Amino acid sequence: MPSSPGHVTTLVQSRYFSKFNSNPTHSDSVMGQTVVDPKGYLTGLKSMKIICDAEISDIKKARLLLKSVTQTNPKHPPRWIATARLEEMDEVVGKMQVVGHLIKKGCEECPKNEDVWLETCRLANPLEAKTVIAQGVKANHNSVKLWMQASKLEEDTTNKSHVLRKGLEHIPDSVRLWKAVVELAKEEDARLWLQRAVGA
């Protein structure tokens, strides 16, 4: 029975998070510190490689199906995210340049979807990430998530605050943005921002 596009998308998401969020199993806790058993860890890595090899054919099938559904329905954001994550998972065949190209294509097709922009930002290098998020914010002035991410990418506190305040110009009733501005402000300024937040 062939897999449906929605099933493949869900499968890619679950395998992605399972792979990147898993913890080493061959370890012990000693005096509050985690001590990894080198022998057991290497054995685990070999097992993982075997599993990856066995799944290559599944990855190829999923790639073909996701490619098909993104071509027939390019305006569906989750499929672009799933396709990019599938390539990112594929250690044997996957190439980050391919991943970057795919997710950027997703931004072109779904410019009003904040999740696609956030995924593109995550996959980009630090310098490109700022450009990506700036484009995302330009296309989605009212996205709190994108303004928060834009602030997060700034290293200087003053710049972080400036980005957040810019976001408040577009979303003056965002509790999350107001809270972030107050938290970044110096004590004497925090009271003023808090008063403005209450009056917003």
Protein backbone atom coordinates (compact mmCIF):
# COMPACT_ATOMS: atom_id res chain seq x y z
CA MET A 1 0.00 0.00 0.00
CA PRO A 2 1.66 3.29 -1.10
CA SER A 3 2.30 5.96 1.50
CA SER A 4 0.26 9.13 1.37
CA PRO A 5 2.06 12.52 1.18
CA GLY A 6 0.78 13.44 4.63
CA HIS A 7 2.06 10.17 6.07
CA VAL A 8 5.52 10.72 4.60
CA THR A 9 5.63 14.28 5.92
CA THR A 10 4.76 13.08 9.43
CA LEU A 11 7.28 10.22 9.18
CA VAL A 12 10.09 12.57 8.16
CA GLN A 13 9.28 14.92 11.03
CA SER A 14 9.23 12.11 13.62
CA ARG A 15 12.47 10.53 12.38
CA TYR A 16 14.13 13.96 12.25
CA PHE A 17 13.35 14.74 15.87
CA SER A 18 14.14 11.18 16.95
CA LYS A 19 17.58 11.40 15.39
CA PHE A 20 18.58 14.90 16.49
CA ASN A 21 17.02 14.85 19.96
CA SER A 22 18.14 11.39 21.08
CA ASN A 23 20.60 11.01 24.00
CA PRO A 24 23.53 8.57 24.20
CA THR A 25 22.34 5.35 25.84
CA HIS A 26 25.75 4.00 26.76
CA SER A 27 26.47 6.25 29.73
CA ASP A 28 26.44 6.34 33.50
CA SER A 29 26.02 9.13 36.02
CA VAL A 30 28.87 9.57 38.48
CA MET A 31 28.85 12.39 41.05
CA GLY A 32 26.36 14.34 38.94
CA GLN A 33 28.45 14.00 35.77
CA THR A 34 27.70 11.91 32.69
CA VAL A 35 30.43 9.39 31.87
CA VAL A 36 30.21 7.87 28.40
CA ASP A 37 31.37 4.29 27.89
CA PRO A 38 33.67 4.62 24.81
CA LYS A 39 33.31 0.97 23.77
CA GLY A 40 29.55 1.01 24.07
CA TYR A 41 29.34 4.38 22.33
CA LEU A 42 31.34 3.14 19.32
CA THR A 43 29.14 0.06 19.13
CA GLY A 44 26.11 2.32 19.13
CA LEU A 45 27.54 4.42 16.31
CA LYS A 46 28.11 1.30 14.20
CA SER A 47 24.52 0.25 14.82
CA MET A 48 23.30 3.65 13.74
CA LYS A 49 25.30 3.38 10.51
CA ILE A 50 23.73 0.01 9.74
CA ILE A 51 20.26 1.45 10.29
CA CYS A 52 21.05 4.40 8.02
CA ASP A 53 22.29 2.08 5.27
CA ALA A 54 19.13 0.00 5.55
CA GLU A 55 16.97 3.12 5.21
CA ILE A 56 18.63 4.51 2.07
CA SER A 57 15.99 2.99 -0.19
CA ASP A 58 13.21 4.39 2.02
CA ILE A 59 14.82 7.82 1.87
CA LYS A 60 14.95 7.65 -1.92
CA LYS A 61 11.28 6.66 -2.08
CA ALA A 62 10.31 9.45 0.33
CA ARG A 63 12.38 11.93 -1.68
CA LEU A 64 10.56 11.03 -4.89
CA LEU A 65 7.13 11.27 -3.24
CA LEU A 66 7.86 14.59 -1.53
CA LYS A 67 9.30 15.97 -4.76
CA SER A 68 6.10 14.96 -6.51
CA VAL A 69 3.77 16.58 -3.97
CA THR A 70 5.79 19.82 -3.78
CA GLN A 71 5.55 20.07 -7.55
CA THR A 72 1.80 19.44 -7.60
CA ASN A 73 1.09 21.56 -4.51
CA PRO A 74 4.02 24.00 -4.08
CA LYS A 75 2.02 26.29 -1.76
CA HIS A 76 1.92 23.73 1.07
CA PRO A 77 4.61 24.80 3.62
CA PRO A 78 4.97 21.53 5.64
CA ARG A 79 6.05 19.64 2.51
CA TRP A 80 8.95 22.04 1.90
CA ILE A 81 10.08 21.72 5.52
CA ALA A 82 9.77 17.91 5.40
CA THR A 83 11.72 17.76 2.12
CA ALA A 84 14.56 19.89 3.51
CA ARG A 85 14.73 17.84 6.71
CA LEU A 86 14.74 14.62 4.73
CA GLU A 87 17.84 15.78 2.86
CA GLU A 88 19.40 16.99 6.11
CA MET A 89 18.84 13.54 7.66
CA ASP A 90 20.42 11.74 4.71
CA GLU A 91 24.06 11.54 5.79
CA VAL A 92 24.98 9.37 2.79
CA VAL A 93 23.48 11.36 -0.05
CA GLY A 94 22.34 14.63 1.48
CA LYS A 95 24.17 17.87 0.73
CA MET A 96 23.60 21.06 2.70
CA GLN A 97 23.66 23.12 -0.50
CA VAL A 98 20.75 21.06 -1.77
CA VAL A 99 18.95 21.54 1.54
CA GLY A 100 19.48 25.30 1.43
CA HIS A 101 18.25 25.52 -2.15
CA LEU A 102 15.13 23.50 -1.35
CA ILE A 103 14.04 25.48 1.68
CA LYS A 104 14.72 28.82 -0.05
CA LYS A 105 12.46 27.63 -2.84
CA GLY A 106 9.89 26.99 -0.14
CA CYS A 107 10.18 30.64 0.94
CA GLU A 108 9.55 31.75 -2.63
CA GLU A 109 6.46 29.58 -2.88
CA CYS A 110 5.14 30.25 0.64
CA PRO A 111 6.37 33.77 1.55
CA LYS A 112 3.60 34.29 4.11
CA ASN A 113 4.42 31.19 6.16
CA GLU A 114 6.60 32.02 9.17
CA ASP A 115 7.61 28.39 9.81
CA VAL A 116 9.27 28.09 6.39
CA TRP A 117 11.26 31.28 7.06
CA LEU A 118 12.29 30.05 10.51
CA GLU A 119 13.42 26.72 9.04
CA THR A 120 15.43 28.53 6.35
CA CYS A 121 17.03 30.67 9.04
CA ARG A 122 17.94 27.58 11.08
CA LEU A 123 19.63 25.94 8.10
CA ALA A 124 21.54 29.07 7.04
CA ASN A 125 24.98 30.05 8.27
CA PRO A 126 25.12 32.94 10.80
CA LEU A 127 25.73 35.62 8.17
CA GLU A 128 23.01 34.39 5.82
CA ALA A 129 20.56 33.91 8.68
CA LYS A 130 20.22 37.67 9.25
CA THR A 131 19.49 38.26 5.59
CA VAL A 132 16.95 35.45 5.55
CA ILE A 133 15.11 36.66 8.64
CA ALA A 134 15.10 40.25 7.32
CA GLN A 135 13.39 39.00 4.16
CA GLY A 136 10.97 36.97 6.26
CA VAL A 137 10.06 39.97 8.42
CA LYS A 138 9.60 42.11 5.32
CA ALA A 139 7.09 39.60 3.99
CA ASN A 140 5.43 39.07 7.39
CA HIS A 141 5.39 42.32 9.38
CA ASN A 142 2.93 40.87 11.90
CA SER A 143 4.86 37.70 12.77
CA VAL A 144 5.95 37.81 16.41
CA LYS A 145 8.05 34.66 15.91
CA LEU A 146 10.08 36.25 13.12
CA TRP A 147 10.69 39.49 15.04
CA MET A 148 11.80 37.46 18.07
CA GLN A 149 14.16 35.41 15.90
CA ALA A 150 15.54 38.57 14.28
CA SER A 151 16.32 39.94 17.74
CA LYS A 152 17.86 36.65 18.81
CA LEU A 153 20.33 36.78 15.90
CA GLU A 154 21.70 40.13 17.10
CA GLU A 155 24.64 39.89 19.49
CA ASP A 156 24.49 43.42 20.88
CA THR A 157 21.77 44.17 23.44
CA THR A 158 21.10 47.59 21.92
CA ASN A 159 20.54 46.05 18.50
CA LYS A 160 18.31 43.35 19.99
CA SER A 161 16.16 46.00 21.63
CA HIS A 162 16.05 48.07 18.44
CA VAL A 163 14.72 45.09 16.46
CA LEU A 164 12.07 44.35 19.08
CA ARG A 165 10.92 47.97 19.13
CA LYS A 166 10.69 47.88 15.34
CA GLY A 167 8.47 44.86 15.69
CA LEU A 168 6.25 46.71 18.16
CA GLU A 169 5.66 49.39 15.54
CA HIS A 170 3.87 46.72 13.51
CA ILE A 171 2.43 44.66 16.40
CA PRO A 172 1.87 47.13 19.28
CA ASP A 173 -0.36 44.70 21.19
CA SER A 174 2.19 41.83 21.31
CA VAL A 175 2.74 40.86 24.94
CA ARG A 176 5.71 38.73 23.98
CA LEU A 177 7.54 41.60 22.25
CA TRP A 178 6.81 44.06 25.08
CA LYS A 179 8.07 41.55 27.64
CA ALA A 180 11.29 41.00 25.66
CA VAL A 181 11.91 44.76 25.42
CA VAL A 182 11.39 45.25 29.16
CA GLU A 183 13.71 42.34 29.99
CA LEU A 184 16.50 43.84 27.86
CA ALA A 185 16.09 47.37 29.18
CA LYS A 186 18.16 48.82 31.99
CA GLU A 187 16.36 49.13 35.31
CA GLU A 188 15.56 52.83 34.94
CA ASP A 189 14.34 52.34 31.35
CA ALA A 190 12.44 49.15 32.13
CA ARG A 191 9.86 51.07 34.19
CA LEU A 192 9.17 53.42 31.29
CA TRP A 193 8.78 50.55 28.81
CA LEU A 194 6.54 48.70 31.25
CA GLN A 195 4.31 51.76 31.57
CA ARG A 196 4.13 52.07 27.80
CA ALA A 197 3.30 48.36 27.53
CA VAL A 198 0.43 48.72 29.99
CA GLY A 199 -0.88 51.72 28.10
CA ALA A 200 -0.57 50.02 24.70
